[in-house]
Amino acid sequence: MGRKRAVKFGPRIIDLDILLIDDLIIETELLSVPHPALPQRKFALIPLDEVAPDLLHPVEKKSISQLLAGCNDELVVQKISASAS
């Protein structure tokens, strides 16, 4: 996509965060898996908890439900339901 950054954390065409890949741990200059901020982000933990509450975080050694219960993120996360058209 040939991304050219004008502003750090500014708008972009696409932004994909790799949260987890099984129990894989990757630490390189360009990629960290699991995503290092996952335990602090309710917007990622809440939907992940809905589909895989018992999934174990390979670094924290806690389930997604446990991470969510201990998350201090004050961000309000609102679920948006798809409406039938």
C-alpha atoms as a PDB file:
ATOM      1  CA  MET A   1       0.000   0.000   0.000  1.00  0.00           C
ATOM      2  CA  GLY A   2       3.034   2.226   0.065  1.00  0.00           C
ATOM      3  CA  ARG A   3       2.179   4.003   3.287  1.00  0.00           C
ATOM      4  CA  LYS A   4       3.664   7.472   3.673  1.00  0.00           C
ATOM      5  CA  ARG A   5       3.211   8.932   7.145  1.00  0.00           C
ATOM      6  CA  ALA A   6       2.447  12.637   7.331  1.00  0.00           C
ATOM      7  CA  VAL A   7       1.464  12.578  10.996  1.00  0.00           C
ATOM      8  CA  LYS A   8       2.412   9.972  13.614  1.00  0.00           C
ATOM      9  CA  PHE A   9      -0.751   8.089  14.658  1.00  0.00           C
ATOM     10  CA  GLY A  10      -2.625  10.015  11.948  1.00  0.00           C
ATOM     11  CA  PRO A  11      -5.233   8.650   9.531  1.00  0.00           C
ATOM     12  CA  ARG A  12      -4.263   5.696   7.384  1.00  0.00           C
ATOM     13  CA  ILE A  13      -5.833   3.519   4.722  1.00  0.00           C
ATOM     14  CA  ILE A  14      -5.618   0.368   6.804  1.00  0.00           C
ATOM     15  CA  ASP A  15      -4.363  -0.498  10.270  1.00  0.00           C
ATOM     16  CA  LEU A  16      -4.073  -4.100  11.366  1.00  0.00           C
ATOM     17  CA  ASP A  17      -2.914  -5.054  14.836  1.00  0.00           C
ATOM     18  CA  ILE A  18      -1.921  -8.683  15.302  1.00  0.00           C
ATOM     19  CA  LEU A  19      -3.133  -9.439  18.809  1.00  0.00           C
ATOM     20  CA  LEU A  20      -2.259 -13.130  19.120  1.00  0.00           C
ATOM     21  CA  ILE A  21      -1.134 -16.067  16.993  1.00  0.00           C
ATOM     22  CA  ASP A  22      -1.806 -19.238  18.985  1.00  0.00           C
ATOM     23  CA  ASP A  23       0.833 -19.343  21.743  1.00  0.00           C
ATOM     24  CA  LEU A  24       3.506 -17.802  19.526  1.00  0.00           C
ATOM     25  CA  ILE A  25       5.794 -15.081  20.897  1.00  0.00           C
ATOM     26  CA  ILE A  26       7.566 -12.866  18.338  1.00  0.00           C
ATOM     27  CA  GLU A  27       9.807  -9.917  19.207  1.00  0.00           C
ATOM     28  CA  THR A  28      11.422  -8.130  16.275  1.00  0.00           C
ATOM     29  CA  GLU A  29      12.016  -4.506  15.374  1.00  0.00           C
ATOM     30  CA  LEU A  30       8.940  -4.539  13.130  1.00  0.00           C
ATOM     31  CA  LEU A  31       6.608  -6.977  14.879  1.00  0.00           C
ATOM     32  CA  SER A  32       5.629  -7.908  18.418  1.00  0.00           C
ATOM     33  CA  VAL A  33       3.203 -10.784  18.984  1.00  0.00           C
ATOM     34  CA  PRO A  34       1.273 -10.848  21.183  1.00  0.00           C
ATOM     35  CA  HIS A  35       0.525  -7.162  20.806  1.00  0.00           C
ATOM     36  CA  PRO A  36       2.304  -5.522  23.760  1.00  0.00           C
ATOM     37  CA  ALA A  37      -0.642  -3.276  24.664  1.00  0.00           C
ATOM     38  CA  LEU A  38      -3.319  -5.991  24.510  1.00  0.00           C
ATOM     39  CA  PRO A  39      -3.632  -6.392  28.312  1.00  0.00           C
ATOM     40  CA  GLN A  40      -4.337  -2.646  28.637  1.00  0.00           C
ATOM     41  CA  ARG A  41      -6.916  -2.280  25.845  1.00  0.00           C
ATOM     42  CA  LYS A  42     -10.564  -2.995  26.587  1.00  0.00           C
ATOM     43  CA  PHE A  43     -11.548  -2.332  22.970  1.00  0.00           C
ATOM     44  CA  ALA A  44      -9.528  -5.427  22.029  1.00  0.00           C
ATOM     45  CA  LEU A  45     -10.131  -7.539  25.148  1.00  0.00           C
ATOM     46  CA  ILE A  46     -13.934  -7.252  25.231  1.00  0.00           C
ATOM     47  CA  PRO A  47     -14.626  -8.752  21.772  1.00  0.00           C
ATOM     48  CA  LEU A  48     -11.843 -11.296  22.247  1.00  0.00           C
ATOM     49  CA  ASP A  49     -13.434 -12.307  25.556  1.00  0.00           C
ATOM     50  CA  GLU A  50     -16.734 -12.895  23.748  1.00  0.00           C
ATOM     51  CA  VAL A  51     -15.204 -15.449  21.381  1.00  0.00           C
ATOM     52  CA  ALA A  52     -12.311 -16.920  23.402  1.00  0.00           C
ATOM     53  CA  PRO A  53     -12.564 -16.112  27.136  1.00  0.00           C
ATOM     54  CA  ASP A  54     -10.329 -19.012  28.174  1.00  0.00           C
ATOM     55  CA  LEU A  55      -7.594 -18.300  25.616  1.00  0.00           C
ATOM     56  CA  LEU A  56      -4.282 -17.997  27.434  1.00  0.00           C
ATOM     57  CA  HIS A  57      -2.057 -14.984  26.793  1.00  0.00           C
ATOM     58  CA  PRO A  58       1.382 -16.568  26.160  1.00  0.00           C
ATOM     59  CA  VAL A  59       3.365 -13.849  27.962  1.00  0.00           C
ATOM     60  CA  GLU A  60       1.023 -12.872  30.804  1.00  0.00           C
ATOM     61  CA  LYS A  61      -0.009 -16.507  31.427  1.00  0.00           C
ATOM     62  CA  LYS A  62      -3.573 -15.327  32.103  1.00  0.00           C
ATOM     63  CA  SER A  63      -6.813 -15.986  30.265  1.00  0.00           C
ATOM     64  CA  ILE A  64      -8.455 -13.243  28.247  1.00  0.00           C
ATOM     65  CA  SER A  65     -11.197 -13.081  30.911  1.00  0.00           C
ATOM     66  CA  GLN A  66      -8.583 -12.595  33.628  1.00  0.00           C
ATOM     67  CA  LEU A  67      -6.850  -9.867  31.620  1.00  0.00           C
ATOM     68  CA  LEU A  68     -10.168  -8.105  31.070  1.00  0.00           C
ATOM     69  CA  ALA A  69     -11.051  -8.326  34.776  1.00  0.00           C
ATOM     70  CA  GLY A  70      -7.724  -6.718  35.671  1.00  0.00           C
ATOM     71  CA  CYS A  71      -7.750  -4.100  32.919  1.00  0.00           C
ATOM     72  CA  ASN A  72      -7.730  -0.498  34.168  1.00  0.00           C
ATOM     73  CA  ASP A  73      -8.569   1.024  30.777  1.00  0.00           C
ATOM     74  CA  GLU A  74     -11.242   3.673  31.370  1.00  0.00           C
ATOM     75  CA  LEU A  75     -12.223   3.800  27.710  1.00  0.00           C
ATOM     76  CA  VAL A  76     -15.952   3.263  27.205  1.00  0.00           C
ATOM     77  CA  VAL A  77     -16.473   0.436  24.728  1.00  0.00           C
ATOM     78  CA  GLN A  78     -19.838   0.341  23.014  1.00  0.00           C
ATOM     79  CA  LYS A  79     -21.002  -2.719  21.117  1.00  0.00           C
ATOM     80  CA  ILE A  80     -22.553  -1.906  17.765  1.00  0.00           C
ATOM     81  CA  SER A  81     -24.967  -4.460  16.371  1.00  0.00           C
ATOM     82  CA  ALA A  82     -25.418  -4.938  12.659  1.00  0.00           C
ATOM     83  CA  SER A  83     -28.967  -4.107  11.638  1.00  0.00           C
ATOM     84  CA  ALA A  84     -30.863  -6.164   9.112  1.00  0.00           C
ATOM     85  CA  SER A  85     -31.601  -4.249   5.932  1.00  0.00           C
END
